[in-house]
C-alpha atoms as a PDB file:
ATOM      1  CA  ASN A   1       5.097 -12.627  75.518  1.00  0.00           C
ATOM      2  CA  THR A   2       3.166 -12.121  72.328  1.00  0.00           C
ATOM      3  CA  ILE A   3       1.238  -9.434  73.796  1.00  0.00           C
ATOM      4  CA  SER A   4       4.246  -7.560  75.067  1.00  0.00           C
ATOM      5  CA  LYS A   5       5.699  -7.624  71.432  1.00  0.00           C
ATOM      6  CA  GLY A   6       2.687  -5.116  70.435  1.00  0.00           C
ATOM      7  CA  LYS A   7       1.674  -4.393  66.699  1.00  0.00           C
ATOM      8  CA  GLU A   8       3.377  -3.369  63.548  1.00  0.00           C
ATOM      9  CA  GLY A   9       6.876  -3.798  64.991  1.00  0.00           C
ATOM     10  CA  GLN A  10       6.154  -1.264  68.064  1.00  0.00           C
ATOM     11  CA  PRO A  11       6.486  -2.771  71.687  1.00  0.00           C
ATOM     12  CA  ALA A  12       3.294  -2.746  73.699  1.00  0.00           C
ATOM     13  CA  ALA A  13       3.105  -0.060  76.416  1.00  0.00           C
ATOM     14  CA  PRO A  14       3.929  -1.164  79.812  1.00  0.00           C
ATOM     15  CA  LYS A  15       0.679  -0.170  81.255  1.00  0.00           C
ATOM     16  CA  THR A  16      -1.124  -2.540  78.597  1.00  0.00           C
ATOM     17  CA  VAL A  17       1.132  -5.475  79.482  1.00  0.00           C
ATOM     18  CA  ARG A  18       0.523  -4.900  83.313  1.00  0.00           C
ATOM     19  CA  ASN A  19      -3.419  -4.790  82.664  1.00  0.00           C
ATOM     20  CA  TYR A  20      -3.168  -8.265  80.793  1.00  0.00           C
ATOM     21  CA  ILE A  21      -1.132  -9.746  83.830  1.00  0.00           C
ATOM     22  CA  ILE A  22      -3.550  -8.392  86.436  1.00  0.00           C
ATOM     23  CA  THR A  23      -6.524  -9.509  84.282  1.00  0.00           C
ATOM     24  CA  PHE A  24      -4.974 -13.092  83.974  1.00  0.00           C
ATOM     25  CA  LYS A  25      -4.319 -13.405  87.713  1.00  0.00           C
ATOM     26  CA  ARG A  26      -7.941 -12.286  88.515  1.00  0.00           C
ATOM     27  CA  VAL A  27      -9.421 -15.122  85.915  1.00  0.00           C
ATOM     28  CA  MET A  28      -6.963 -17.705  87.643  1.00  0.00           C
ATOM     29  CA  LYS A  29      -8.288 -16.814  91.131  1.00  0.00           C
ATOM     30  CA  TYR A  30     -11.806 -17.160  89.874  1.00  0.00           C
ATOM     31  CA  CYS A  31     -10.975 -20.665  88.513  1.00  0.00           C
ATOM     32  CA  ARG A  32      -9.433 -21.568  92.102  1.00  0.00           C
ATOM     33  CA  LYS A  33     -12.514 -20.424  93.706  1.00  0.00           C
ATOM     34  CA  LYS A  34     -14.771 -22.178  91.458  1.00  0.00           C
ATOM     35  CA  LYS A  35     -12.679 -25.400  92.253  1.00  0.00           C
ATOM     36  CA  TRP A  36     -11.918 -25.624  88.489  1.00  0.00           C
ATOM     37  CA  ILE A  37      -8.211 -25.801  89.324  1.00  0.00           C
ATOM     38  CA  SER A  38      -6.462 -26.698  92.537  1.00  0.00           C
ATOM     39  CA  ALA A  39      -4.528 -24.279  94.669  1.00  0.00           C
ATOM     40  CA  ASP A  40      -1.479 -25.955  93.584  1.00  0.00           C
ATOM     41  CA  ASP A  41      -2.319 -25.466  90.001  1.00  0.00           C
ATOM     42  CA  TYR A  42      -3.005 -21.806  90.728  1.00  0.00           C
ATOM     43  CA  GLU A  43       0.396 -21.354  92.293  1.00  0.00           C
ATOM     44  CA  LEU A  44       2.279 -23.015  89.273  1.00  0.00           C
ATOM     45  CA  ILE A  45       0.391 -21.101  86.898  1.00  0.00           C
ATOM     46  CA  VAL A  46       0.684 -17.746  88.353  1.00  0.00           C
ATOM     47  CA  SER A  47       4.276 -18.248  89.437  1.00  0.00           C
ATOM     48  CA  ASP A  48       5.189 -19.396  85.883  1.00  0.00           C
ATOM     49  CA  ILE A  49       3.951 -15.958  84.085  1.00  0.00           C
ATOM     50  CA  LYS A  50       6.714 -14.925  81.581  1.00  0.00           C
ATOM     51  CA  ILE A  51       4.879 -11.637  80.346  1.00  0.00           C
ATOM     52  CA  PRO A  52       7.103  -8.778  81.079  1.00  0.00           C
ATOM     53  CA  THR A  53       5.964  -5.931  83.448  1.00  0.00           C
ATOM     54  CA  TYR A  54       7.568  -3.466  81.117  1.00  0.00           C
ATOM     55  CA  VAL A  55       9.052  -3.218  77.863  1.00  0.00           C
ATOM     56  CA  THR A  56      12.820  -2.350  77.640  1.00  0.00           C
ATOM     57  CA  ASP A  57      13.158  -0.395  74.525  1.00  0.00           C
ATOM     58  CA  ASN A  58      14.586   2.817  75.338  1.00  0.00           C
ATOM     59  CA  GLU A  59      14.248   4.148  71.832  1.00  0.00           C
ATOM     60  CA  HIS A  60      10.539   3.302  71.788  1.00  0.00           C
ATOM     61  CA  GLU A  61      10.115   4.877  75.242  1.00  0.00           C
ATOM     62  CA  GLN A  62      11.951   7.996  74.334  1.00  0.00           C
ATOM     63  CA  LYS A  63       9.620   8.357  71.206  1.00  0.00           C
ATOM     64  CA  VAL A  64       6.397   7.976  73.152  1.00  0.00           C
ATOM     65  CA  LYS A  65       7.654  10.642  75.707  1.00  0.00           C
ATOM     66  CA  GLU A  66       8.629  13.048  73.039  1.00  0.00           C
ATOM     67  CA  GLN A  67       4.981  12.583  71.332  1.00  0.00           C
ATOM     68  CA  LYS A  68       3.349  13.417  74.687  1.00  0.00           C
ATOM     69  CA  SER A  69       5.624  16.328  75.727  1.00  0.00           C
ATOM     70  CA  LEU A  70       5.056  20.026  75.077  1.00  0.00           C
ATOM     71  CA  THR A  71       7.828  22.449  75.061  1.00  0.00           C
ATOM     72  CA  CYS A  72       7.348  26.279  76.466  1.00  0.00           C
ATOM     73  CA  ILE A  73       7.512  27.574  72.946  1.00  0.00           C
ATOM     74  CA  GLU A  74       4.885  25.157  71.714  1.00  0.00           C
ATOM     75  CA  ALA A  75       2.663  25.843  74.730  1.00  0.00           C
ATOM     76  CA  ARG A  76       2.936  29.494  73.696  1.00  0.00           C
ATOM     77  CA  GLU A  77       1.997  28.734  70.097  1.00  0.00           C
ATOM     78  CA  VAL A  78      -1.171  26.717  71.402  1.00  0.00           C
ATOM     79  CA  LEU A  79      -2.324  29.577  73.722  1.00  0.00           C
ATOM     80  CA  GLU A  80      -1.738  32.170  70.916  1.00  0.00           C
ATOM     81  CA  ALA A  81      -3.839  30.140  68.409  1.00  0.00           C
ATOM     82  CA  LEU A  82      -6.654  29.509  70.900  1.00  0.00           C
ATOM     83  CA  LYS A  83      -6.945  33.218  72.009  1.00  0.00           C
ATOM     84  CA  PRO A  84      -9.731  33.980  69.625  1.00  0.00           C
ATOM     85  CA  ASN A  85     -11.823  31.058  71.340  1.00  0.00           C
ATOM     86  CA  ARG A  86     -12.006  31.937  75.052  1.00  0.00           C
ATOM     87  CA  ARG A  87     -13.462  28.704  76.012  1.00  0.00           C
ATOM     88  CA  TYR A  88     -10.576  26.605  74.530  1.00  0.00           C
ATOM     89  CA  TYR A  89      -7.960  29.232  75.637  1.00  0.00           C
ATOM     90  CA  LEU A  90      -9.120  29.086  79.273  1.00  0.00           C
ATOM     91  CA  VAL A  91      -9.442  25.388  79.474  1.00  0.00           C
ATOM     92  CA  ALA A  92      -5.949  25.086  77.980  1.00  0.00           C
ATOM     93  CA  ARG A  93      -4.378  27.657  80.372  1.00  0.00           C
ATOM     94  CA  ILE A  94      -5.890  25.810  83.471  1.00  0.00           C
ATOM     95  CA  LEU A  95      -4.592  22.339  82.267  1.00  0.00           C
ATOM     96  CA  LEU A  96      -1.169  23.770  81.646  1.00  0.00           C
ATOM     97  CA  LEU A  97      -1.068  25.280  85.176  1.00  0.00           C
ATOM     98  CA  THR A  98      -2.576  22.385  87.235  1.00  0.00           C
ATOM     99  CA  GLY A  99      -1.332  19.221  85.471  1.00  0.00           C
ATOM    100  CA  MET A 100      -4.970  17.756  85.830  1.00  0.00           C
ATOM    101  CA  ARG A 101      -6.133  14.847  83.686  1.00  0.00           C
ATOM    102  CA  PRO A 102      -8.784  16.243  81.430  1.00  0.00           C
ATOM    103  CA  GLN A 103     -11.243  13.830  82.709  1.00  0.00           C
ATOM    104  CA  GLU A 104     -10.665  15.160  86.040  1.00  0.00           C
ATOM    105  CA  PHE A 105     -11.117  18.649  84.827  1.00  0.00           C
ATOM    106  CA  PHE A 106     -14.384  18.241  83.080  1.00  0.00           C
ATOM    107  CA  ALA A 107     -15.742  16.413  86.395  1.00  0.00           C
ATOM    108  CA  LEU A 108     -15.137  19.204  88.632  1.00  0.00           C
ATOM    109  CA  GLU A 109     -17.746  20.798  90.624  1.00  0.00           C
ATOM    110  CA  LYS A 110     -17.800  24.383  92.094  1.00  0.00           C
ATOM    111  CA  LYS A 111     -17.300  22.932  95.644  1.00  0.00           C
ATOM    112  CA  ASP A 112     -13.977  21.501  94.464  1.00  0.00           C
ATOM    113  CA  LEU A 113     -12.294  24.924  94.186  1.00  0.00           C
ATOM    114  CA  VAL A 114     -10.834  26.029  97.684  1.00  0.00           C
ATOM    115  CA  GLN A 115      -9.626  29.129  96.725  1.00  0.00           C
ATOM    116  CA  ASP A 116      -8.874  30.312 100.384  1.00  0.00           C
ATOM    117  CA  GLU A 117      -6.467  27.439 100.888  1.00  0.00           C
ATOM    118  CA  GLY A 118      -5.194  27.484  97.439  1.00  0.00           C
ATOM    119  CA  TYR A 119      -6.228  24.308  95.860  1.00  0.00           C
ATOM    120  CA  ILE A 120      -8.398  22.213  93.741  1.00  0.00           C
ATOM    121  CA  ASN A 121      -9.994  19.292  95.230  1.00  0.00           C
ATOM    122  CA  ILE A 122      -9.829  16.169  92.845  1.00  0.00           C
ATOM    123  CA  ARG A 123     -12.390  13.560  93.911  1.00  0.00           C
ATOM    124  CA  GLN A 124     -14.045  12.309  90.786  1.00  0.00           C
ATOM    125  CA  ALA A 125     -13.552  12.051  87.034  1.00  0.00           C
ATOM    126  CA  LEU A 126     -15.494  11.401  83.719  1.00  0.00           C
ATOM    127  CA  VAL A 127     -15.827   7.670  82.819  1.00  0.00           C
ATOM    128  CA  LYS A 128     -17.013   6.308  79.497  1.00  0.00           C
ATOM    129  CA  GLN A 129     -20.407   4.549  79.113  1.00  0.00           C
ATOM    130  CA  GLU A 130     -20.948   1.392  77.154  1.00  0.00           C
ATOM    131  CA  ASN A 131     -21.020   3.203  73.828  1.00  0.00           C
ATOM    132  CA  GLY A 132     -17.711   4.611  74.408  1.00  0.00           C
ATOM    133  CA  ARG A 133     -18.584   8.184  73.527  1.00  0.00           C
ATOM    134  CA  ILE A 134     -21.290   9.425  76.136  1.00  0.00           C
ATOM    135  CA  PHE A 135     -19.597  10.314  79.587  1.00  0.00           C
ATOM    136  CA  ASP A 136     -20.793  10.328  83.059  1.00  0.00           C
ATOM    137  CA  ILE A 137     -19.336  10.858  86.503  1.00  0.00           C
ATOM    138  CA  GLY A 138     -17.402   8.209  88.168  1.00  0.00           C
ATOM    139  CA  THR A 139     -14.278   7.617  90.396  1.00  0.00           C
ATOM    140  CA  THR A 140     -10.729   8.742  89.620  1.00  0.00           C
ATOM    141  CA  LYS A 141      -8.338   6.799  88.005  1.00  0.00           C
ATOM    142  CA  ASN A 142      -6.670   5.295  91.355  1.00  0.00           C
ATOM    143  CA  LYS A 143      -6.502   6.112  94.965  1.00  0.00           C
ATOM    144  CA  GLY A 144      -3.805   8.281  94.636  1.00  0.00           C
ATOM    145  CA  SER A 145      -5.624  10.484  92.207  1.00  0.00           C
ATOM    146  CA  ARG A 146      -7.905  11.823  94.942  1.00  0.00           C
ATOM    147  CA  ARG A 147      -5.780  14.717  95.869  1.00  0.00           C
ATOM    148  CA  LYS A 148      -5.317  18.512  96.252  1.00  0.00           C
ATOM    149  CA  VAL A 149      -3.971  20.237  93.253  1.00  0.00           C
ATOM    150  CA  PRO A 150      -2.133  23.511  94.067  1.00  0.00           C
ATOM    151  CA  ALA A 151      -3.757  26.510  92.523  1.00  0.00           C
ATOM    152  CA  THR A 152      -2.517  30.046  92.370  1.00  0.00           C
ATOM    153  CA  PRO A 153      -5.004  33.080  92.527  1.00  0.00           C
ATOM    154  CA  ALA A 154      -4.418  33.466  88.610  1.00  0.00           C
ATOM    155  CA  ILE A 155      -5.911  29.976  88.159  1.00  0.00           C
ATOM    156  CA  PHE A 156      -8.896  30.815  90.173  1.00  0.00           C
ATOM    157  CA  HIS A 157      -9.239  33.932  88.072  1.00  0.00           C
ATOM    158  CA  TYR A 158      -9.388  31.681  84.889  1.00  0.00           C
ATOM    159  CA  PHE A 159     -12.138  29.774  86.670  1.00  0.00           C
ATOM    160  CA  ASP A 160     -14.156  33.022  87.265  1.00  0.00           C
ATOM    161  CA  GLU A 161     -13.664  34.130  83.738  1.00  0.00           C
ATOM    162  CA  LEU A 162     -14.868  30.610  82.485  1.00  0.00           C
ATOM    163  CA  GLU A 163     -17.886  30.914  84.472  1.00  0.00           C
ATOM    164  CA  LYS A 164     -18.572  34.308  83.029  1.00  0.00           C
ATOM    165  CA  LEU A 165     -18.368  32.945  79.755  1.00  0.00           C
ATOM    166  CA  LEU A 166     -20.903  30.142  80.562  1.00  0.00           C
ATOM    167  CA  GLN A 167     -23.212  32.745  81.798  1.00  0.00           C
ATOM    168  CA  LYS A 168     -22.895  34.912  78.747  1.00  0.00           C
ATOM    169  CA  ASP A 169     -23.456  32.386  76.058  1.00  0.00           C
ATOM    170  CA  GLY A 170     -26.410  30.768  77.811  1.00  0.00           C
ATOM    171  CA  SER A 171     -24.647  27.470  78.590  1.00  0.00           C
ATOM    172  CA  ARG A 172     -25.022  28.064  82.443  1.00  0.00           C
ATOM    173  CA  LYS A 173     -28.643  28.802  82.074  1.00  0.00           C
ATOM    174  CA  LYS A 174     -29.302  25.382  80.135  1.00  0.00           C
ATOM    175  CA  SER A 175     -27.185  23.537  82.743  1.00  0.00           C
ATOM    176  CA  ILE A 176     -29.362  24.780  85.571  1.00  0.00           C
ATOM    177  CA  SER A 177     -32.456  23.293  83.875  1.00  0.00           C
ATOM    178  CA  LYS A 178     -30.643  19.987  83.338  1.00  0.00           C
ATOM    179  CA  GLY A 179     -29.152  19.586  86.840  1.00  0.00           C
ATOM    180  CA  ASN A 180     -25.746  20.207  86.033  1.00  0.00           C
ATOM    181  CA  ASP A 181     -25.406  23.876  87.369  1.00  0.00           C
ATOM    182  CA  GLU A 182     -22.820  22.627  90.020  1.00  0.00           C
ATOM    183  CA  PHE A 183     -20.221  21.723  87.227  1.00  0.00           C
ATOM    184  CA  ILE A 184     -17.519  23.871  86.493  1.00  0.00           C
ATOM    185  CA  ILE A 185     -17.681  23.543  82.749  1.00  0.00           C
ATOM    186  CA  VAL A 186     -20.742  22.172  80.666  1.00  0.00           C
ATOM    187  CA  ASP A 187     -21.079  21.995  76.802  1.00  0.00           C
ATOM    188  CA  ARG A 188     -23.156  24.528  75.158  1.00  0.00           C
ATOM    189  CA  ASN A 189     -26.246  22.738  75.707  1.00  0.00           C
ATOM    190  CA  GLY A 190     -25.665  22.515  79.480  1.00  0.00           C
ATOM    191  CA  ASN A 191     -24.775  18.970  79.440  1.00  0.00           C
ATOM    192  CA  ILE A 192     -21.748  17.028  80.876  1.00  0.00           C
ATOM    193  CA  VAL A 193     -18.905  17.884  78.721  1.00  0.00           C
ATOM    194  CA  ASP A 194     -17.889  14.849  76.184  1.00  0.00           C
ATOM    195  CA  GLU A 195     -14.041  14.823  76.497  1.00  0.00           C
ATOM    196  CA  HIS A 196     -13.424  13.095  73.310  1.00  0.00           C
ATOM    197  CA  ALA A 197     -15.555  15.626  71.257  1.00  0.00           C
ATOM    198  CA  PHE A 198     -13.971  18.462  73.055  1.00  0.00           C
ATOM    199  CA  GLY A 199     -10.573  17.493  72.520  1.00  0.00           C
ATOM    200  CA  VAL A 200     -11.198  16.466  68.901  1.00  0.00           C
ATOM    201  CA  ASN A 201     -12.807  19.836  68.205  1.00  0.00           C
ATOM    202  CA  MET A 202     -10.057  21.807  70.007  1.00  0.00           C
ATOM    203  CA  VAL A 203      -7.437  20.102  67.799  1.00  0.00           C
ATOM    204  CA  ARG A 204      -9.340  21.030  64.669  1.00  0.00           C
ATOM    205  CA  TYR A 205      -9.464  24.439  65.752  1.00  0.00           C
ATOM    206  CA  LEU A 206      -5.861  24.727  66.186  1.00  0.00           C
ATOM    207  CA  GLN A 207      -5.229  23.187  62.915  1.00  0.00           C
ATOM    208  CA  ARG A 208      -7.352  25.666  61.178  1.00  0.00           C
ATOM    209  CA  ASN A 209      -6.027  28.845  63.062  1.00  0.00           C
ATOM    210  CA  GLY A 210      -2.419  28.149  63.785  1.00  0.00           C
ATOM    211  CA  ASP A 211       0.621  26.061  63.103  1.00  0.00           C
ATOM    212  CA  CYS A 212      -0.121  23.650  66.073  1.00  0.00           C
ATOM    213  CA  LYS A 213      -0.500  20.265  64.348  1.00  0.00           C
ATOM    214  CA  ARG A 214       0.641  18.357  67.407  1.00  0.00           C
ATOM    215  CA  PHE A 215      -1.726  18.836  70.590  1.00  0.00           C
ATOM    216  CA  THR A 216      -3.814  16.758  72.835  1.00  0.00           C
ATOM    217  CA  LEU A 217      -5.817  17.531  75.854  1.00  0.00           C
ATOM    218  CA  GLY A 218      -3.149  14.996  77.871  1.00  0.00           C
ATOM    219  CA  MET A 219      -0.094  17.285  76.767  1.00  0.00           C
ATOM    220  CA  PRO A 220      -0.489  20.058  79.307  1.00  0.00           C
ATOM    221  CA  ARG A 221      -0.081  17.364  82.211  1.00  0.00           C
ATOM    222  CA  HIS A 222       3.219  16.226  80.825  1.00  0.00           C
ATOM    223  CA  PHE A 223       4.103  20.070  80.214  1.00  0.00           C
ATOM    224  CA  TYR A 224       3.375  20.683  83.906  1.00  0.00           C
ATOM    225  CA  GLN A 225       5.692  17.974  85.209  1.00  0.00           C
ATOM    226  CA  ASP A 226       8.376  18.736  82.655  1.00  0.00           C
ATOM    227  CA  GLN A 227       8.707  22.555  83.638  1.00  0.00           C
ATOM    228  CA  LEU A 228       8.098  22.130  87.304  1.00  0.00           C
ATOM    229  CA  ASP A 229      10.958  19.913  87.196  1.00  0.00           C
ATOM    230  CA  ILE A 230      13.089  22.354  85.242  1.00  0.00           C
ATOM    231  CA  LEU A 231      12.209  25.084  87.740  1.00  0.00           C
ATOM    232  CA  GLY A 232      13.682  23.031  90.461  1.00  0.00           C
ATOM    233  CA  ALA A 233      10.454  21.765  92.316  1.00  0.00           C
ATOM    234  CA  ASN A 234      10.559  18.699  94.574  1.00  0.00           C
ATOM    235  CA  VAL A 235       9.895  15.751  92.454  1.00  0.00           C
ATOM    236  CA  ASN A 236       7.857  14.073  95.285  1.00  0.00           C
ATOM    237  CA  ASP A 237       5.864  17.239  95.567  1.00  0.00           C
ATOM    238  CA  VAL A 238       5.046  17.083  91.616  1.00  0.00           C
ATOM    239  CA  GLU A 239       4.353  13.383  91.753  1.00  0.00           C
ATOM    240  CA  LYS A 240       1.728  13.921  94.450  1.00  0.00           C
ATOM    241  CA  ALA A 241       0.157  16.918  92.705  1.00  0.00           C
ATOM    242  CA  VAL A 242      -0.490  14.944  89.530  1.00  0.00           C
ATOM    243  CA  GLY A 243      -1.744  11.890  91.410  1.00  0.00           C
ATOM    244  CA  HIS A 244       0.918   9.713  90.762  1.00  0.00           C
ATOM    245  CA  VAL A 245       1.043   6.535  93.262  1.00  0.00           C
ATOM    246  CA  ILE A 246       4.121   6.733  95.459  1.00  0.00           C
ATOM    247  CA  ASP A 247       5.065   3.146  96.033  1.00  0.00           C
ATOM    248  CA  THR A 248       8.275   3.406  98.326  1.00  0.00           C
ATOM    249  CA  VAL A 249       7.869   2.680 101.951  1.00  0.00           C
ATOM    250  CA  ALA A 250       9.618   5.914 102.910  1.00  0.00           C
ATOM    251  CA  GLU A 251       7.100   7.798 101.034  1.00  0.00           C
ATOM    252  CA  LYS A 252       4.048   6.227 102.183  1.00  0.00           C
ATOM    253  CA  HIS A 253       3.571   8.651 104.883  1.00  0.00           C
ATOM    254  CA  TYR A 254       4.328  11.359 102.558  1.00  0.00           C
ATOM    255  CA  LYS A 255       0.742  10.812 101.238  1.00  0.00           C
ATOM    256  CA  VAL A 256      -0.511  12.271 104.510  1.00  0.00           C
ATOM    257  CA  ASN A 257       1.483  15.337 104.122  1.00  0.00           C
ATOM    258  CA  GLU A 258      -0.255  17.879 102.352  1.00  0.00           C
ATOM    259  CA  GLU A 259       2.419  20.762 102.565  1.00  0.00           C
ATOM    260  CA  TYR A 260       3.365  20.096  99.042  1.00  0.00           C
ATOM    261  CA  VAL A 261       0.480  22.424  98.049  1.00  0.00           C
ATOM    262  CA  ARG A 262       2.027  25.319  99.859  1.00  0.00           C
ATOM    263  CA  ARG A 263       5.642  24.395  98.521  1.00  0.00           C
ATOM    264  CA  LEU A 264       4.515  24.016  94.932  1.00  0.00           C
ATOM    265  CA  ALA A 265       2.700  27.313  94.848  1.00  0.00           C
ATOM    266  CA  PRO A 266       5.645  29.470  94.197  1.00  0.00           C
ATOM    267  CA  TYR A 267       6.792  27.103  91.235  1.00  0.00           C
ATOM    268  CA  ILE A 268       3.400  27.311  89.661  1.00  0.00           C
ATOM    269  CA  GLU A 269       3.457  31.048  89.746  1.00  0.00           C
ATOM    270  CA  GLN A 270       6.712  31.048  87.783  1.00  0.00           C
ATOM    271  CA  LEU A 271       5.185  28.698  85.493  1.00  0.00           C
ATOM    272  CA  GLY A 272       2.310  31.240  84.933  1.00  0.00           C
ATOM    273  CA  THR A 273       4.587  34.080  84.569  1.00  0.00           C
ATOM    274  CA  MET A 274       6.726  32.127  82.116  1.00  0.00           C
ATOM    275  CA  LEU A 275       3.544  31.657  79.967  1.00  0.00           C
ATOM    276  CA  GLU A 276       2.484  35.201  80.218  1.00  0.00           C
ATOM    277  CA  ASN A 277       5.850  36.594  78.955  1.00  0.00           C
ATOM    278  CA  ALA A 278       5.862  34.039  76.157  1.00  0.00           C
ATOM    279  CA  GLU A 279       2.643  35.380  75.063  1.00  0.00           C
ATOM    280  CA  LYS A 280       3.655  38.959  75.321  1.00  0.00           C
ATOM    281  CA  ALA A 281       6.770  38.184  73.150  1.00  0.00           C
ATOM    282  CA  VAL A 282       4.700  36.871  70.329  1.00  0.00           C
END
């Protein structure tokens, strides 16, 4: 209960509270396995947990949602400010039109782009090492995150342009010597991208070159979901595309069905057109 109250008068995030519950149960299971507590003790302790699985503070939840959201006008302003830096611009555009988590994007390999079938294969992600700043390749956030992300020809064109950029500035040549040549994007030294450093540098660039004071690499994901919903895309298709776990029994069979890739394509094309028109209007 203390954990759920959070800090500085702000309730803790539901995800944080759930993680504490999971950790607590694991510790109790370990104690039972070691016979430090009896099976009856375990059942009594676990069944008596009072930590809520979510925080029912609508005002706080709405504030958090607004902080993560990005309107079409704001997305236009971000892209316009990033245009002089083509690397940042292409990354932002791809994220806005795919809804990928940044750690998934930076872990993409060339074989993950399946242009003939119109999707991007998400099967791995960046993970932080012990020092918290150096990243390596690991598993996705959860089982549902291993998925196919719908991608239009325009999106694959952005990937092609990004590759040409890496070849032009020498990043690709350096990546070959370091064994990272299969990755879609590398840093200027040919290494796996440091997601944190990339995000911080992009935000600083925006602040120096535009009025975009509020932007993170996670915002395009929320933009993608919000805009596809506005355009009328099926909510289950969108949930599957962004890698959310679908819990209901009726939707468990839906995970096997990959028709969502085909169904979402027209909506993603509309979203791309919206961004194009918005930029032309500036």
